[in-house]
Amino acid sequence: MRELLARGDKSFSFEFFPPKDELGEQQLWQAITDLEPYGPTFVSVTYGAGGTTRDRTVAITGRIARETGMLPVAHLTCVGHTTDEITAILDDLARAGVEHVMALRGDPPGGPGTPWTPTEGGLTYANELVALIRERTDMRIGVAAFPEGHVDAKDLDHDARVLRAKYDAGAEFAVTDMVLRASDYVGLVDRAHAVGADLPIIPGIMPILNLRSMQRMVDFSRRELPQETVERLAPYADDPARLREEGIAIATELCEALLDAGAPGLHFYTLNRSKATREIFANLQITV
């Protein structure tokens, strides 16, 4: 990954989550099948709160490694695990053929907006998790970054220094939370470079296909949808098809702006569906 970006190549990647039932499993693998021909740089698989999807995350990333030509990146969080348990998970991933991991602190055990409480015998910060992975394995490590700052950061400068700590611990690249404005991403990159966090930062993309659902996601991270976005979507509040069409158009324009601003690629939050991502790729005329 780091080598690819150092050559000046663009990274295009997709994110999936472990499904809860058999129907969801079928939907996930259909999305993976649909998106594999696009030749993504990597695909990531999320990790449930408190490690609730540990086994499924390992199983899915392992299957991707065995049965597809795609590079799987497994998410791993500090939540609900001791350091010994984290080491065991890393061993499970290695046995499954997974060599890349996204090291995250994770949401508080009580859910977004509740106080963060570390697990006894575990880790408190993502940079500690990065350091543990670097010490115990040869895995390549990615981390999270936040276009408008993490909700727990004192200010944007503090947020940039946290990213620098993750870089110093051994992180090789970062992927952002969903970007709502290109200017937010540009600001993040500028702040990171100013403090010496010299790692590629890939912006995260989530098209707005349902305004109410997106509003809930934004509220969880204590952010606000840009007013200009709301104004473009509001006329279609009672027309789901037109709203979806406008949401795809907004996402396409955002992707174009990010690439024009020098982003090293794009990371698509697919929600285990492929159609919207494929439509955006078609609009961008991306060949990967």
Protein backbone atom coordinates (compact mmCIF):
# COMPACT_ATOMS: atom_id res chain seq x y z
CA MET A 1 0.00 0.00 0.00
CA ARG A 2 2.61 2.58 1.06
CA GLU A 3 4.82 1.53 -1.86
CA LEU A 4 1.94 1.88 -4.33
CA LEU A 5 1.16 5.39 -3.14
CA ALA A 6 4.84 6.33 -3.09
CA ARG A 7 4.95 5.53 -6.82
CA GLY A 8 2.18 8.06 -7.35
CA ASP A 9 -0.49 5.47 -8.09
CA LYS A 10 -4.02 6.04 -6.77
CA SER A 11 -5.65 3.72 -4.24
CA PHE A 12 -9.31 2.80 -4.68
CA SER A 13 -10.73 0.62 -1.92
CA PHE A 14 -14.00 -0.68 -0.50
CA GLU A 15 -15.23 -1.31 3.04
CA PHE A 16 -17.61 -4.07 4.19
CA PHE A 17 -19.02 -5.14 7.54
CA PRO A 18 -19.70 -8.63 8.92
CA PRO A 19 -23.38 -9.51 8.29
CA LYS A 20 -25.74 -10.66 11.01
CA ASP A 21 -27.57 -13.45 9.18
CA GLU A 22 -27.52 -15.71 6.13
CA LEU A 23 -29.35 -13.18 3.93
CA GLY A 24 -26.81 -10.54 4.89
CA GLU A 25 -24.01 -12.99 4.13
CA GLN A 26 -25.37 -13.51 0.62
CA GLN A 27 -25.65 -9.76 0.10
CA LEU A 28 -22.07 -9.25 1.28
CA TRP A 29 -20.59 -11.83 -1.07
CA GLN A 30 -22.66 -10.54 -3.96
CA ALA A 31 -21.19 -7.08 -3.35
CA ILE A 32 -17.69 -8.54 -3.13
CA THR A 33 -18.26 -10.45 -6.39
CA ASP A 34 -19.61 -7.34 -8.11
CA LEU A 35 -16.72 -5.14 -7.00
CA GLU A 36 -13.78 -7.52 -7.46
CA PRO A 37 -13.53 -6.77 -11.22
CA TYR A 38 -12.74 -3.15 -10.32
CA GLY A 39 -9.38 -4.32 -8.95
CA PRO A 40 -9.42 -2.44 -5.65
CA THR A 41 -6.14 -1.74 -3.93
CA PHE A 42 -7.64 -3.32 -0.82
CA VAL A 43 -10.94 -4.14 0.84
CA SER A 44 -11.44 -3.64 4.56
CA VAL A 45 -13.75 -5.49 6.95
CA THR A 46 -15.01 -3.71 10.05
CA TYR A 47 -14.95 -4.94 13.63
CA GLY A 48 -18.04 -4.80 15.85
CA ALA A 49 -18.18 -2.88 19.11
CA GLY A 50 -16.50 -4.73 21.93
CA GLY A 51 -15.19 -7.36 19.54
CA THR A 52 -18.69 -8.70 18.87
CA THR A 53 -17.80 -9.66 15.30
CA ARG A 54 -14.29 -10.94 16.00
CA ASP A 55 -14.79 -14.41 14.56
CA ARG A 56 -16.79 -13.17 11.57
CA THR A 57 -14.24 -10.47 10.76
CA VAL A 58 -11.45 -13.05 10.81
CA ALA A 59 -13.53 -15.50 8.75
CA ILE A 60 -14.49 -12.93 6.09
CA THR A 61 -11.00 -11.48 5.69
CA GLY A 62 -9.57 -15.00 5.54
CA ARG A 63 -12.04 -16.03 2.87
CA ILE A 64 -11.27 -12.91 0.83
CA ALA A 65 -7.56 -13.78 1.08
CA ARG A 66 -8.17 -17.40 -0.01
CA GLU A 67 -10.89 -17.09 -2.63
CA THR A 68 -10.39 -13.71 -4.33
CA GLY A 69 -7.57 -11.71 -5.80
CA MET A 70 -8.28 -8.81 -3.46
CA LEU A 71 -6.11 -7.68 -0.56
CA PRO A 72 -8.07 -7.86 2.73
CA VAL A 73 -7.50 -5.42 5.59
CA ALA A 74 -9.04 -6.43 8.92
CA HIS A 75 -10.18 -3.82 11.41
CA LEU A 76 -9.04 -4.29 15.01
CA THR A 77 -10.03 -2.16 18.01
CA CYS A 78 -8.93 -1.72 21.61
CA VAL A 79 -12.48 -2.12 22.89
CA GLY A 80 -13.22 -5.07 25.17
CA HIS A 81 -9.86 -6.81 24.79
CA THR A 82 -6.76 -7.33 26.90
CA THR A 83 -3.39 -7.17 25.19
CA ASP A 84 -3.19 -10.97 25.32
CA GLU A 85 -6.54 -11.23 23.55
CA ILE A 86 -5.43 -8.75 20.91
CA THR A 87 -2.30 -10.81 20.32
CA ALA A 88 -4.47 -13.93 19.92
CA ILE A 89 -6.62 -12.12 17.34
CA LEU A 90 -3.52 -11.10 15.42
CA ASP A 91 -2.43 -14.74 15.42
CA ASP A 92 -5.87 -15.77 14.10
CA LEU A 93 -5.62 -13.20 11.32
CA ALA A 94 -2.12 -14.30 10.36
CA ARG A 95 -3.23 -17.94 10.17
CA ALA A 96 -6.11 -16.83 7.93
CA GLY A 97 -3.65 -15.21 5.52
CA VAL A 98 -4.39 -11.61 6.50
CA GLU A 99 -1.32 -9.37 6.48
CA HIS A 100 -2.86 -5.90 6.75
CA VAL A 101 -4.84 -4.41 9.63
CA MET A 102 -6.61 -1.15 10.48
CA ALA A 103 -5.71 -0.29 14.08
CA LEU A 104 -8.49 1.68 15.79
CA ARG A 105 -9.32 2.73 19.31
CA GLY A 106 -12.98 2.01 18.58
CA ASP A 107 -16.18 3.54 19.90
CA PRO A 108 -16.81 3.55 23.66
CA PRO A 109 -18.28 0.27 24.97
CA GLY A 110 -21.53 2.10 25.72
CA GLY A 111 -21.83 3.38 22.17
CA PRO A 112 -21.10 6.73 20.47
CA GLY A 113 -21.43 9.70 22.79
CA THR A 114 -20.77 7.74 26.01
CA PRO A 115 -17.54 8.10 28.04
CA TRP A 116 -14.54 6.09 26.89
CA THR A 117 -13.52 3.40 29.39
CA PRO A 118 -10.46 1.25 28.66
CA THR A 119 -10.57 -2.47 29.31
CA GLU A 120 -8.54 -3.62 32.31
CA GLY A 121 -5.35 -5.16 30.99
CA GLY A 122 -5.99 -3.62 27.59
CA LEU A 123 -5.07 -0.48 25.69
CA THR A 124 -6.39 3.07 25.80
CA TYR A 125 -5.26 4.69 22.57
CA ALA A 126 -4.93 3.66 18.93
CA ASN A 127 -1.21 4.52 18.88
CA GLU A 128 -0.71 1.90 21.62
CA LEU A 129 -2.46 -0.66 19.45
CA VAL A 130 -0.29 0.30 16.47
CA ALA A 131 2.83 -0.12 18.62
CA LEU A 132 1.65 -3.54 19.85
CA ILE A 133 0.98 -4.75 16.30
CA ARG A 134 4.34 -3.42 15.12
CA GLU A 135 6.12 -5.13 18.02
CA ARG A 136 4.43 -8.53 17.67
CA THR A 137 3.90 -8.90 13.90
CA ASP A 138 5.11 -7.95 10.44
CA MET A 139 1.65 -6.71 9.44
CA ARG A 140 1.16 -3.50 7.51
CA ILE A 141 -0.88 -1.02 9.54
CA GLY A 142 -3.48 1.60 8.65
CA VAL A 143 -5.24 3.98 11.05
CA ALA A 144 -8.23 6.31 11.13
CA ALA A 145 -8.19 10.06 10.53
CA PHE A 146 -10.98 12.59 10.94
CA PRO A 147 -11.67 15.44 8.49
CA GLU A 148 -13.36 17.58 11.14
CA GLY A 149 -11.40 16.21 14.08
CA HIS A 150 -12.28 13.30 16.35
CA VAL A 151 -15.22 14.02 18.65
CA ASP A 152 -12.99 13.56 21.72
CA ALA A 153 -10.17 15.81 20.48
CA LYS A 154 -9.64 19.04 22.40
CA ASP A 155 -9.19 20.91 19.13
CA LEU A 156 -8.00 20.32 15.58
CA ASP A 157 -4.32 20.77 16.49
CA HIS A 158 -4.64 18.11 19.19
CA ASP A 159 -6.35 15.83 16.67
CA ALA A 160 -3.39 16.25 14.29
CA ARG A 161 -0.92 15.40 17.05
CA VAL A 162 -2.87 12.20 17.78
CA LEU A 163 -2.45 11.22 14.14
CA ARG A 164 1.27 11.99 14.43
CA ALA A 165 1.48 9.65 17.45
CA LYS A 166 -0.07 6.85 15.39
CA TYR A 167 2.39 7.54 12.58
CA ASP A 168 5.34 7.52 15.00
CA ALA A 169 4.13 4.18 16.40
CA GLY A 170 4.30 2.58 12.96
CA ALA A 171 1.17 3.41 10.96
CA GLU A 172 1.80 3.47 7.20
CA PHE A 173 -1.42 5.03 5.91
CA ALA A 174 -4.67 6.53 7.15
CA VAL A 175 -8.28 6.34 5.99
CA THR A 176 -10.70 9.06 6.99
CA ASP A 177 -14.19 9.01 8.38
CA MET A 178 -16.69 9.92 5.67
CA VAL A 179 -15.77 13.26 4.13
CA LEU A 180 -18.64 15.75 3.87
CA ARG A 181 -16.70 18.63 2.27
CA ALA A 182 -13.49 18.53 0.23
CA SER A 183 -12.21 21.54 2.19
CA ASP A 184 -12.40 19.53 5.44
CA TYR A 185 -10.14 16.87 3.93
CA VAL A 186 -7.67 19.47 2.64
CA GLY A 187 -7.54 21.03 6.10
CA LEU A 188 -6.83 17.65 7.69
CA VAL A 189 -3.95 16.94 5.30
CA ASP A 190 -2.47 20.39 5.92
CA ARG A 191 -2.64 19.93 9.69
CA ALA A 192 -1.12 16.45 9.48
CA HIS A 193 1.81 17.66 7.39
CA ALA A 194 2.34 20.63 9.71
CA VAL A 195 2.98 18.29 12.67
CA GLY A 196 5.05 15.78 10.68
CA ALA A 197 2.44 13.04 10.23
CA ASP A 198 3.95 12.09 6.89
CA LEU A 199 1.61 9.30 5.82
CA PRO A 200 -0.87 9.04 2.94
CA ILE A 201 -4.40 9.99 4.00
CA ILE A 202 -7.18 8.44 1.92
CA PRO A 203 -10.59 10.14 2.10
CA GLY A 204 -13.64 8.04 2.94
CA ILE A 205 -16.73 8.32 0.72
CA MET A 206 -20.32 7.47 1.60
CA PRO A 207 -22.95 8.58 -0.92
CA ILE A 208 -26.22 9.89 0.51
CA LEU A 209 -28.89 7.46 -0.65
CA ASN A 210 -31.31 8.09 2.22
CA LEU A 211 -31.29 11.47 3.93
CA ARG A 212 -32.65 10.27 7.26
CA SER A 213 -30.11 7.43 7.53
CA MET A 214 -27.22 9.73 6.66
CA GLN A 215 -28.41 12.30 9.18
CA ARG A 216 -28.31 9.63 11.91
CA MET A 217 -24.76 8.67 10.96
CA VAL A 218 -23.63 12.27 11.01
CA ASP A 219 -25.32 12.87 14.36
CA PHE A 220 -23.43 9.91 15.89
CA SER A 221 -20.16 11.69 15.23
CA ARG A 222 -21.59 15.01 16.39
CA ARG A 223 -21.21 16.60 12.97
CA GLU A 224 -23.63 18.39 10.66
CA LEU A 225 -24.44 17.82 7.02
CA PRO A 226 -23.27 20.81 4.98
CA GLN A 227 -26.10 23.25 4.40
CA GLU A 228 -25.46 23.23 0.67
CA THR A 229 -25.92 19.45 0.65
CA VAL A 230 -29.19 19.65 2.56
CA GLU A 231 -30.48 22.34 0.20
CA ARG A 232 -29.74 20.16 -2.84
CA LEU A 233 -31.47 17.12 -1.36
CA ALA A 234 -34.45 18.76 0.39
CA PRO A 235 -36.56 19.14 -2.79
CA TYR A 236 -36.50 15.35 -3.20
CA ALA A 237 -37.44 14.46 0.38
CA ASP A 238 -40.58 12.67 -0.87
CA ASP A 239 -39.00 11.21 -3.99
CA PRO A 240 -36.51 8.46 -2.98
CA ALA A 241 -35.38 7.77 -6.55
CA ARG A 242 -34.59 11.41 -7.30
CA LEU A 243 -32.95 11.87 -3.91
CA ARG A 244 -30.73 8.85 -4.55
CA GLU A 245 -29.81 10.22 -7.98
CA GLU A 246 -28.86 13.58 -6.49
CA GLY A 247 -26.91 11.83 -3.71
CA ILE A 248 -24.85 9.96 -6.30
CA ALA A 249 -24.22 13.24 -8.15
CA ILE A 250 -23.05 14.94 -4.93
CA ALA A 251 -20.73 12.03 -4.12
CA THR A 252 -19.29 12.09 -7.64
CA GLU A 253 -18.58 15.81 -7.41
CA LEU A 254 -16.96 15.31 -4.01
CA CYS A 255 -14.73 12.55 -5.37
CA GLU A 256 -13.66 14.75 -8.27
CA ALA A 257 -12.85 17.62 -5.91
CA LEU A 258 -10.83 15.36 -3.61
CA LEU A 259 -8.80 13.87 -6.44
CA ASP A 260 -8.21 17.35 -7.88
CA ALA A 261 -6.99 18.42 -4.43
CA GLY A 262 -4.34 15.69 -4.49
CA ALA A 263 -6.01 12.88 -2.53
CA PRO A 264 -4.03 9.64 -3.02
CA GLY A 265 -7.24 7.73 -3.73
CA LEU A 266 -10.75 7.07 -2.46
CA HIS A 267 -12.17 4.62 0.11
CA PHE A 268 -15.83 3.72 -0.38
CA TYR A 269 -18.09 2.77 2.52
CA THR A 270 -20.29 0.31 0.65
CA LEU A 271 -22.69 -0.81 3.40
CA ASN A 272 -22.31 -4.25 1.76
CA ARG A 273 -23.93 -3.09 -1.47
CA SER A 274 -22.16 -2.43 -4.73
CA LYS A 275 -24.54 -0.48 -6.96
CA ALA A 276 -23.87 3.06 -5.72
CA THR A 277 -20.11 2.54 -5.75
CA ARG A 278 -20.25 1.16 -9.29
CA GLU A 279 -22.33 4.16 -10.41
CA ILE A 280 -19.80 6.60 -8.96
CA PHE A 281 -16.94 4.74 -10.63
CA ALA A 282 -18.79 4.99 -13.93
CA ASN A 283 -19.35 8.73 -13.45
CA LEU A 284 -15.67 9.24 -12.64
CA GLN A 285 -14.57 6.96 -15.48
CA ILE A 286 -12.10 5.33 -13.11
CA THR A 287 -9.96 2.52 -14.43
CA VAL A 288 -8.11 0.60 -11.71
